[in-house]
Amino acid sequence: MKIRRLKLLMLLPILVLGIAACDDNDEKDPQKTILGKWEMIKRGDIEVIPKYHEEYLPDGTICRYYYESKEYEIQPYMYKIDSEKKILHHYYVENGEEIIAFSYSYEFYDDKLHLGWLYVTPQFSSFIYKRIK
């Protein structure tokens, strides 16, 4: 009986460590998390009916697919992520130089992406996108 109890007590720390290692709150790599298709569902506090989805590709390209016309369009700007500052930049390349067009704070949660517009004061300062499969 004591041996069985001792074995159980020895397994307890392993079990606790195993559960802690499976924690879903671990910070994921935003460079990989952003990849895929995203539909805007909110602009500011207003829910919107998606008219297109944006697809973030591994090479920094952003493509947009318009539902009504069924057209796929490569956006004239690229993206990059500053994971230390948690900023998503949309930028152009002109004469070999990167020119930042828009910068957003970002947060990923529950297959959603929240973007907060930085450095400008537009009518809608935040956007929520949901991942689509």
N, C-alpha and C. Protein backbone atom coordinates (compact mmCIF):
# COMPACT_ATOMS: atom_id res chain seq x y z
N MET A 1 0.82 -1.19 0.00
CA MET A 1 0.00 0.00 0.00
C MET A 1 0.87 1.26 0.00
N LYS A 2 1.93 1.27 0.82
CA LYS A 2 2.80 2.43 0.90
C LYS A 2 3.57 2.62 -0.40
N ILE A 3 3.94 1.52 -1.05
CA ILE A 3 4.67 1.60 -2.32
C ILE A 3 3.78 2.24 -3.39
N ARG A 4 2.53 1.86 -3.41
CA ARG A 4 1.58 2.41 -4.38
C ARG A 4 1.39 3.91 -4.15
N ARG A 5 1.26 4.30 -2.90
CA ARG A 5 1.10 5.71 -2.56
C ARG A 5 2.36 6.49 -2.94
N LEU A 6 3.52 5.89 -2.72
CA LEU A 6 4.79 6.53 -3.07
C LEU A 6 4.89 6.72 -4.59
N LYS A 7 4.48 5.72 -5.36
CA LYS A 7 4.49 5.83 -6.81
C LYS A 7 3.56 6.95 -7.27
N LEU A 8 2.39 7.03 -6.67
CA LEU A 8 1.45 8.09 -7.02
C LEU A 8 2.02 9.46 -6.71
N LEU A 9 2.68 9.58 -5.56
CA LEU A 9 3.28 10.85 -5.20
C LEU A 9 4.42 11.23 -6.15
N MET A 10 5.13 10.24 -6.65
CA MET A 10 6.21 10.50 -7.60
C MET A 10 5.66 10.92 -8.97
N LEU A 11 4.49 10.40 -9.34
CA LEU A 11 3.90 10.75 -10.63
C LEU A 11 3.23 12.13 -10.62
N LEU A 12 2.84 12.60 -9.45
CA LEU A 12 2.15 13.87 -9.34
C LEU A 12 2.93 15.04 -9.94
N PRO A 13 4.22 15.23 -9.62
CA PRO A 13 4.95 16.35 -10.23
C PRO A 13 5.05 16.24 -11.75
N ILE A 14 5.19 15.04 -12.26
CA ILE A 14 5.26 14.83 -13.70
C ILE A 14 3.93 15.23 -14.35
N LEU A 15 2.85 14.86 -13.72
CA LEU A 15 1.52 15.23 -14.22
C LEU A 15 1.33 16.74 -14.22
N VAL A 16 1.72 17.39 -13.15
CA VAL A 16 1.57 18.85 -13.04
C VAL A 16 2.41 19.54 -14.11
N LEU A 17 3.64 19.09 -14.32
CA LEU A 17 4.50 19.68 -15.34
C LEU A 17 3.92 19.45 -16.74
N GLY A 18 3.36 18.29 -16.97
CA GLY A 18 2.74 17.98 -18.27
C GLY A 18 1.56 18.88 -18.56
N ILE A 19 0.75 19.14 -17.57
CA ILE A 19 -0.41 20.02 -17.75
C ILE A 19 0.05 21.45 -17.98
N ALA A 20 1.04 21.90 -17.24
CA ALA A 20 1.55 23.27 -17.39
C ALA A 20 2.19 23.47 -18.77
N ALA A 21 2.82 22.43 -19.29
CA ALA A 21 3.46 22.53 -20.61
C ALA A 21 2.44 22.64 -21.72
N CYS A 22 1.22 22.20 -21.50
CA CYS A 22 0.18 22.26 -22.52
C CYS A 22 -0.66 23.52 -22.43
N ASP A 23 -0.21 24.51 -21.70
CA ASP A 23 -0.96 25.75 -21.53
C ASP A 23 -1.13 26.46 -22.86
N ASP A 24 -2.36 26.82 -23.23
CA ASP A 24 -2.66 27.48 -24.49
C ASP A 24 -2.33 28.97 -24.47
N ASN A 25 -1.92 29.51 -23.34
CA ASN A 25 -1.63 30.92 -23.26
C ASN A 25 -0.20 31.25 -23.68
N ASP A 26 0.55 30.24 -24.12
CA ASP A 26 1.91 30.49 -24.58
C ASP A 26 1.88 31.45 -25.76
N GLU A 27 2.84 32.37 -25.80
CA GLU A 27 2.95 33.32 -26.90
C GLU A 27 3.34 32.55 -28.16
N LYS A 28 2.52 32.67 -29.20
CA LYS A 28 2.81 31.99 -30.46
C LYS A 28 3.57 32.95 -31.36
N ASP A 29 4.25 32.41 -32.34
CA ASP A 29 5.01 33.20 -33.28
C ASP A 29 4.05 33.98 -34.18
N PRO A 30 4.00 35.32 -34.06
CA PRO A 30 3.06 36.10 -34.87
C PRO A 30 3.34 36.01 -36.36
N GLN A 31 4.60 35.74 -36.74
CA GLN A 31 4.93 35.59 -38.16
C GLN A 31 4.20 34.40 -38.77
N LYS A 32 3.97 33.38 -37.97
CA LYS A 32 3.24 32.20 -38.45
C LYS A 32 1.74 32.33 -38.20
N THR A 33 1.37 32.96 -37.09
CA THR A 33 -0.04 33.07 -36.73
C THR A 33 -0.82 33.91 -37.73
N ILE A 34 -0.20 34.93 -38.29
CA ILE A 34 -0.91 35.82 -39.20
C ILE A 34 -1.16 35.18 -40.57
N LEU A 35 -0.40 34.16 -40.89
CA LEU A 35 -0.55 33.53 -42.21
C LEU A 35 -1.96 32.97 -42.37
N GLY A 36 -2.53 33.20 -43.54
CA GLY A 36 -3.86 32.67 -43.83
C GLY A 36 -4.84 33.77 -44.20
N LYS A 37 -6.11 33.38 -44.20
CA LYS A 37 -7.18 34.26 -44.67
C LYS A 37 -7.94 34.87 -43.50
N TRP A 38 -8.23 36.18 -43.62
CA TRP A 38 -8.89 36.92 -42.56
C TRP A 38 -10.01 37.78 -43.14
N GLU A 39 -11.16 37.75 -42.48
CA GLU A 39 -12.31 38.56 -42.86
C GLU A 39 -12.56 39.62 -41.80
N MET A 40 -12.76 40.87 -42.22
CA MET A 40 -13.09 41.92 -41.25
C MET A 40 -14.53 41.72 -40.79
N ILE A 41 -14.74 41.68 -39.47
CA ILE A 41 -16.08 41.51 -38.93
C ILE A 41 -16.52 42.73 -38.13
N LYS A 42 -15.56 43.60 -37.75
CA LYS A 42 -15.89 44.81 -37.00
C LYS A 42 -14.96 45.94 -37.39
N ARG A 43 -15.52 47.12 -37.55
CA ARG A 43 -14.75 48.34 -37.79
C ARG A 43 -15.14 49.29 -36.68
N GLY A 44 -14.23 49.53 -35.76
CA GLY A 44 -14.59 50.27 -34.56
C GLY A 44 -15.57 49.43 -33.76
N ASP A 45 -16.70 50.01 -33.38
CA ASP A 45 -17.74 49.27 -32.66
C ASP A 45 -18.83 48.73 -33.57
N ILE A 46 -18.67 48.91 -34.88
CA ILE A 46 -19.71 48.55 -35.84
C ILE A 46 -19.40 47.21 -36.49
N GLU A 47 -20.36 46.29 -36.42
CA GLU A 47 -20.20 45.02 -37.12
C GLU A 47 -20.39 45.26 -38.61
N VAL A 48 -19.58 44.58 -39.43
CA VAL A 48 -19.66 44.76 -40.87
C VAL A 48 -19.93 43.43 -41.56
N ILE A 49 -20.54 43.51 -42.72
CA ILE A 49 -20.73 42.32 -43.56
C ILE A 49 -19.50 42.23 -44.45
N PRO A 50 -18.74 41.15 -44.35
CA PRO A 50 -17.50 41.05 -45.13
C PRO A 50 -17.78 41.06 -46.64
N LYS A 51 -17.01 41.89 -47.35
CA LYS A 51 -17.11 41.97 -48.81
C LYS A 51 -15.88 41.33 -49.47
N TYR A 52 -14.89 41.02 -48.64
CA TYR A 52 -13.66 40.41 -49.13
C TYR A 52 -12.93 39.76 -47.96
N HIS A 53 -11.94 38.95 -48.29
CA HIS A 53 -11.02 38.49 -47.25
C HIS A 53 -9.60 38.83 -47.70
N GLU A 54 -8.75 39.04 -46.71
CA GLU A 54 -7.34 39.29 -46.98
C GLU A 54 -6.56 38.05 -46.62
N GLU A 55 -5.56 37.76 -47.43
CA GLU A 55 -4.71 36.60 -47.16
C GLU A 55 -3.28 37.08 -46.99
N TYR A 56 -2.70 36.75 -45.84
CA TYR A 56 -1.31 37.09 -45.55
C TYR A 56 -0.46 35.88 -45.94
N LEU A 57 0.47 36.10 -46.87
CA LEU A 57 1.32 35.03 -47.39
C LEU A 57 2.70 35.09 -46.74
N PRO A 58 3.43 33.96 -46.71
CA PRO A 58 4.73 33.91 -46.04
C PRO A 58 5.78 34.88 -46.61
N ASP A 59 5.64 35.29 -47.88
CA ASP A 59 6.64 36.18 -48.48
C ASP A 59 6.38 37.66 -48.19
N GLY A 60 5.38 37.97 -47.33
CA GLY A 60 5.08 39.35 -46.99
C GLY A 60 4.01 39.99 -47.87
N THR A 61 3.51 39.23 -48.83
CA THR A 61 2.47 39.72 -49.73
C THR A 61 1.10 39.63 -49.07
N ILE A 62 0.24 40.58 -49.40
CA ILE A 62 -1.15 40.55 -48.95
C ILE A 62 -2.03 40.49 -50.20
N CYS A 63 -2.91 39.51 -50.23
CA CYS A 63 -3.84 39.37 -51.34
C CYS A 63 -5.25 39.59 -50.81
N ARG A 64 -6.10 40.06 -51.67
CA ARG A 64 -7.49 40.31 -51.29
C ARG A 64 -8.40 39.62 -52.30
N TYR A 65 -9.39 38.87 -51.79
CA TYR A 65 -10.37 38.20 -52.65
C TYR A 65 -11.72 38.86 -52.42
N TYR A 66 -12.29 39.45 -53.49
CA TYR A 66 -13.59 40.12 -53.42
C TYR A 66 -14.69 39.13 -53.73
N TYR A 67 -15.65 39.01 -52.81
CA TYR A 67 -16.71 38.00 -52.94
C TYR A 67 -17.64 38.27 -54.12
N GLU A 68 -18.05 39.52 -54.31
CA GLU A 68 -19.04 39.83 -55.35
C GLU A 68 -18.47 39.60 -56.75
N SER A 69 -17.29 40.14 -57.01
CA SER A 69 -16.69 40.02 -58.35
C SER A 69 -15.90 38.73 -58.54
N LYS A 70 -15.63 38.04 -57.42
CA LYS A 70 -14.82 36.80 -57.45
C LYS A 70 -13.43 37.05 -58.03
N GLU A 71 -12.89 38.22 -57.71
CA GLU A 71 -11.56 38.59 -58.19
C GLU A 71 -10.55 38.53 -57.05
N TYR A 72 -9.38 38.08 -57.39
CA TYR A 72 -8.27 37.97 -56.46
C TYR A 72 -7.28 39.06 -56.83
N GLU A 73 -6.88 39.89 -55.87
CA GLU A 73 -6.02 41.03 -56.17
C GLU A 73 -4.84 41.07 -55.20
N ILE A 74 -3.65 41.20 -55.75
CA ILE A 74 -2.47 41.38 -54.91
C ILE A 74 -2.43 42.85 -54.50
N GLN A 75 -2.31 43.11 -53.21
CA GLN A 75 -2.30 44.48 -52.71
C GLN A 75 -0.99 45.17 -53.08
N PRO A 76 -1.02 46.49 -53.25
CA PRO A 76 0.20 47.21 -53.64
C PRO A 76 1.19 47.37 -52.49
N TYR A 77 0.83 46.90 -51.32
CA TYR A 77 1.72 47.01 -50.17
C TYR A 77 2.02 45.62 -49.61
N MET A 78 3.07 45.55 -48.82
CA MET A 78 3.51 44.30 -48.19
C MET A 78 3.28 44.46 -46.68
N TYR A 79 3.62 43.41 -45.93
CA TYR A 79 3.50 43.50 -44.47
C TYR A 79 4.75 42.94 -43.81
N LYS A 80 4.98 43.41 -42.60
CA LYS A 80 6.01 42.82 -41.74
C LYS A 80 5.58 43.06 -40.30
N ILE A 81 6.05 42.20 -39.42
CA ILE A 81 5.66 42.26 -38.01
C ILE A 81 6.87 42.55 -37.14
N ASP A 82 6.71 43.51 -36.27
CA ASP A 82 7.70 43.79 -35.22
C ASP A 82 7.15 43.12 -33.97
N SER A 83 7.58 41.88 -33.72
CA SER A 83 7.00 41.10 -32.62
C SER A 83 7.40 41.64 -31.25
N GLU A 84 8.52 42.33 -31.14
CA GLU A 84 8.91 42.91 -29.84
C GLU A 84 7.96 44.02 -29.43
N LYS A 85 7.60 44.87 -30.38
CA LYS A 85 6.70 46.00 -30.10
C LYS A 85 5.23 45.65 -30.34
N LYS A 86 4.98 44.45 -30.89
CA LYS A 86 3.62 44.00 -31.24
C LYS A 86 2.97 44.97 -32.22
N ILE A 87 3.72 45.24 -33.31
CA ILE A 87 3.23 46.15 -34.35
C ILE A 87 3.26 45.43 -35.70
N LEU A 88 2.16 45.59 -36.44
CA LEU A 88 2.05 45.10 -37.81
C LEU A 88 2.19 46.31 -38.72
N HIS A 89 3.15 46.26 -39.64
CA HIS A 89 3.36 47.36 -40.59
C HIS A 89 2.90 46.93 -41.98
N HIS A 90 2.19 47.80 -42.67
CA HIS A 90 1.92 47.67 -44.10
C HIS A 90 2.82 48.71 -44.76
N TYR A 91 3.60 48.28 -45.75
CA TYR A 91 4.57 49.20 -46.34
C TYR A 91 4.67 49.01 -47.85
N TYR A 92 5.18 50.04 -48.51
CA TYR A 92 5.48 50.03 -49.93
C TYR A 92 6.99 49.98 -50.10
N VAL A 93 7.43 49.50 -51.23
CA VAL A 93 8.86 49.59 -51.55
C VAL A 93 8.97 50.54 -52.74
N GLU A 94 9.71 51.62 -52.51
CA GLU A 94 9.89 52.63 -53.55
C GLU A 94 11.37 52.93 -53.67
N ASN A 95 11.91 52.75 -54.87
CA ASN A 95 13.35 52.96 -55.11
C ASN A 95 14.21 52.16 -54.14
N GLY A 96 13.77 50.96 -53.83
CA GLY A 96 14.53 50.08 -52.95
C GLY A 96 14.36 50.38 -51.47
N GLU A 97 13.55 51.38 -51.12
CA GLU A 97 13.34 51.74 -49.71
C GLU A 97 11.95 51.35 -49.26
N GLU A 98 11.86 50.90 -48.01
CA GLU A 98 10.56 50.58 -47.43
C GLU A 98 9.93 51.86 -46.88
N ILE A 99 8.70 52.13 -47.30
CA ILE A 99 7.98 53.29 -46.81
C ILE A 99 6.74 52.78 -46.09
N ILE A 100 6.68 53.02 -44.78
CA ILE A 100 5.56 52.55 -43.97
C ILE A 100 4.31 53.32 -44.36
N ALA A 101 3.26 52.59 -44.72
CA ALA A 101 1.98 53.21 -45.07
C ALA A 101 1.07 53.26 -43.85
N PHE A 102 0.94 52.12 -43.17
CA PHE A 102 0.08 52.02 -42.00
C PHE A 102 0.77 51.16 -40.96
N SER A 103 0.54 51.48 -39.72
CA SER A 103 1.05 50.66 -38.61
C SER A 103 -0.10 50.39 -37.65
N TYR A 104 -0.15 49.16 -37.17
CA TYR A 104 -1.22 48.73 -36.27
C TYR A 104 -0.63 48.00 -35.07
N SER A 105 -1.21 48.21 -33.91
CA SER A 105 -0.93 47.28 -32.81
C SER A 105 -1.76 46.04 -33.13
N TYR A 106 -1.31 44.88 -32.70
CA TYR A 106 -2.07 43.67 -33.01
C TYR A 106 -2.20 42.79 -31.79
N GLU A 107 -3.25 41.98 -31.83
CA GLU A 107 -3.47 40.97 -30.79
C GLU A 107 -4.24 39.82 -31.43
N PHE A 108 -3.75 38.62 -31.23
CA PHE A 108 -4.42 37.41 -31.70
C PHE A 108 -5.15 36.77 -30.54
N TYR A 109 -6.40 36.35 -30.75
CA TYR A 109 -7.14 35.62 -29.72
C TYR A 109 -8.31 34.89 -30.37
N ASP A 110 -8.57 33.66 -29.96
CA ASP A 110 -9.73 32.88 -30.42
C ASP A 110 -9.94 32.95 -31.92
N ASP A 111 -8.92 32.72 -32.72
CA ASP A 111 -9.01 32.80 -34.18
C ASP A 111 -9.47 34.17 -34.66
N LYS A 112 -9.13 35.19 -33.89
CA LYS A 112 -9.44 36.57 -34.27
C LYS A 112 -8.16 37.39 -34.23
N LEU A 113 -8.18 38.48 -34.96
CA LEU A 113 -7.06 39.41 -35.01
C LEU A 113 -7.61 40.80 -34.76
N HIS A 114 -7.14 41.44 -33.71
CA HIS A 114 -7.54 42.81 -33.40
C HIS A 114 -6.42 43.73 -33.82
N LEU A 115 -6.73 44.70 -34.69
CA LEU A 115 -5.76 45.68 -35.13
C LEU A 115 -6.17 47.05 -34.63
N GLY A 116 -5.23 47.77 -34.05
CA GLY A 116 -5.46 49.14 -33.61
C GLY A 116 -4.57 50.06 -34.42
N TRP A 117 -5.16 51.00 -35.11
CA TRP A 117 -4.41 51.91 -35.98
C TRP A 117 -3.52 52.80 -35.14
N LEU A 118 -2.24 52.89 -35.49
CA LEU A 118 -1.29 53.73 -34.77
C LEU A 118 -0.96 54.98 -35.58
N TYR A 119 -0.65 56.05 -34.91
CA TYR A 119 -0.10 57.27 -35.50
C TYR A 119 -1.07 58.07 -36.35
N VAL A 120 -2.32 57.67 -36.44
CA VAL A 120 -3.31 58.45 -37.19
C VAL A 120 -4.60 58.49 -36.38
N THR A 121 -5.48 59.39 -36.73
CA THR A 121 -6.75 59.47 -36.02
C THR A 121 -7.90 59.31 -37.02
N PRO A 122 -8.08 58.12 -37.57
CA PRO A 122 -9.15 57.90 -38.53
C PRO A 122 -10.50 57.78 -37.81
N GLN A 123 -11.54 57.73 -38.60
CA GLN A 123 -12.88 57.59 -38.04
C GLN A 123 -12.99 56.27 -37.27
N PHE A 124 -12.44 55.21 -37.81
CA PHE A 124 -12.46 53.91 -37.14
C PHE A 124 -11.02 53.57 -36.77
N SER A 125 -10.73 53.50 -35.50
CA SER A 125 -9.34 53.31 -35.09
C SER A 125 -8.98 51.86 -34.82
N SER A 126 -9.97 50.96 -34.87
CA SER A 126 -9.64 49.55 -34.64
C SER A 126 -10.48 48.67 -35.56
N PHE A 127 -9.96 47.48 -35.78
CA PHE A 127 -10.59 46.52 -36.68
C PHE A 127 -10.47 45.14 -36.05
N ILE A 128 -11.49 44.33 -36.23
CA ILE A 128 -11.41 42.94 -35.79
C ILE A 128 -11.66 42.05 -37.00
N TYR A 129 -10.74 41.12 -37.18
CA TYR A 129 -10.83 40.15 -38.27
C TYR A 129 -11.00 38.78 -37.66
N LYS A 130 -11.67 37.89 -38.38
CA LYS A 130 -11.72 36.50 -37.93
C LYS A 130 -11.07 35.64 -39.00
N ARG A 131 -10.39 34.62 -38.53
CA ARG A 131 -9.72 33.69 -39.45
C ARG A 131 -10.78 32.87 -40.16
N ILE A 132 -10.59 32.67 -41.46
CA ILE A 132 -11.49 31.78 -42.19
C ILE A 132 -10.66 30.64 -42.75
N LYS A 133 -11.29 29.53 -42.91
CA LYS A 133 -10.60 28.33 -43.37
C LYS A 133 -10.68 28.21 -44.87
